Amino acid sequence: MERSSRADSVSAYAIGVGAGLVALQITWLIVNRLTSLVWGPPAGPTVAFLTAIVVGIIVSIVAGRRLARSVNNPQRVTNGTRT
């Protein structure tokens, strides 16, 4: 594995982590609002944050793998179609 492809893979996983953090924040906001309507203060935010953590981890893993695969297997794109 050459240095540039390794660097591209590392940056792909870093972008995946960033996407996971964004997903965590959005999930936290939405689920916290919904669980606050159903449960009281101690349980609602706890459930919301645990849900957000799980969603953030899943998005990080999926996005990182997907981007790393696309970096390691480049396909030439011409006129919007892959060849």
Protein backbone atom coordinates (compact mmCIF):
# COMPACT_ATOMS: atom_id res chain seq x y z
CA MET A 1 0.00 0.00 0.00
CA GLU A 2 1.54 3.28 -0.98
CA ARG A 3 1.55 6.33 1.25
CA SER A 4 -1.00 8.36 -0.70
CA SER A 5 -3.59 5.56 -0.70
CA ARG A 6 -3.09 5.05 3.04
CA ALA A 7 -3.54 8.77 3.63
CA ASP A 8 -6.70 8.72 1.51
CA SER A 9 -8.06 5.80 3.55
CA VAL A 10 -7.32 7.57 6.84
CA SER A 11 -9.00 10.74 5.61
CA ALA A 12 -12.02 8.70 4.46
CA TYR A 13 -12.42 7.25 7.95
CA ALA A 14 -11.98 10.72 9.48
CA ILE A 15 -14.77 12.03 7.28
CA GLY A 16 -16.87 9.06 8.38
CA VAL A 17 -16.30 10.02 12.03
CA GLY A 18 -17.37 13.58 11.24
CA ALA A 19 -20.55 12.31 9.60
CA GLY A 20 -21.19 10.18 12.68
CA LEU A 21 -20.84 13.20 14.96
CA VAL A 22 -23.31 15.16 12.84
CA ALA A 23 -25.73 12.22 12.99
CA LEU A 24 -25.26 12.06 16.78
CA GLN A 25 -26.14 15.75 17.17
CA ILE A 26 -29.21 15.62 14.94
CA THR A 27 -30.44 12.39 16.54
CA TRP A 28 -29.92 13.87 20.01
CA LEU A 29 -31.99 16.95 19.17
CA ILE A 30 -34.91 15.06 17.64
CA VAL A 31 -35.06 12.09 20.01
CA ASN A 32 -34.59 14.27 23.10
CA ARG A 33 -37.58 16.38 22.07
CA LEU A 34 -39.72 13.27 21.52
CA THR A 35 -38.66 11.39 24.65
CA SER A 36 -39.16 14.49 26.80
CA LEU A 37 -42.82 14.37 25.84
CA VAL A 38 -43.13 10.71 26.86
CA TRP A 39 -40.83 10.33 29.87
CA GLY A 40 -39.70 12.64 32.64
CA PRO A 41 -36.34 14.41 32.93
CA PRO A 42 -34.08 11.60 34.14
CA ALA A 43 -35.21 8.92 31.68
CA GLY A 44 -35.98 10.97 28.56
CA PRO A 45 -32.57 12.57 27.98
CA THR A 46 -30.77 9.35 28.94
CA VAL A 47 -32.68 7.31 26.38
CA ALA A 48 -32.20 10.05 23.79
CA PHE A 49 -28.44 10.24 24.33
CA LEU A 50 -27.95 6.48 24.28
CA THR A 51 -29.94 6.32 21.04
CA ALA A 52 -27.85 9.15 19.58
CA ILE A 53 -24.60 7.38 20.52
CA VAL A 54 -25.69 4.16 18.81
CA VAL A 55 -26.80 6.01 15.67
CA GLY A 56 -23.57 8.03 15.59
CA ILE A 57 -21.40 4.92 15.86
CA ILE A 58 -23.32 3.13 13.12
CA VAL A 59 -23.14 6.13 10.77
CA SER A 60 -19.40 6.52 11.45
CA ILE A 61 -18.67 2.89 10.62
CA VAL A 62 -20.86 2.75 7.51
CA ALA A 63 -19.69 6.09 6.11
CA GLY A 64 -16.03 5.37 6.83
CA ARG A 65 -16.12 1.95 5.18
CA ARG A 66 -18.04 3.23 2.18
CA LEU A 67 -15.66 6.14 1.62
CA ALA A 68 -12.55 4.00 2.17
CA ARG A 69 -13.81 1.48 -0.36
CA SER A 70 -14.46 4.20 -2.92
CA VAL A 71 -10.97 5.64 -2.34
CA ASN A 72 -9.22 2.27 -2.60
CA ASN A 73 -11.17 1.25 -5.72
CA PRO A 74 -11.24 4.36 -7.87
CA GLN A 75 -13.34 4.24 -10.99
CA ARG A 76 -13.00 6.74 -13.77
CA VAL A 77 -16.04 8.93 -14.20
CA THR A 78 -16.75 10.42 -17.60
CA ASN A 79 -19.85 12.40 -18.47
CA GLY A 80 -21.59 11.32 -15.28
CA THR A 81 -21.24 7.58 -15.98
CA ARG A 82 -18.75 5.18 -14.46
CA THR A 83 -16.54 3.22 -16.78
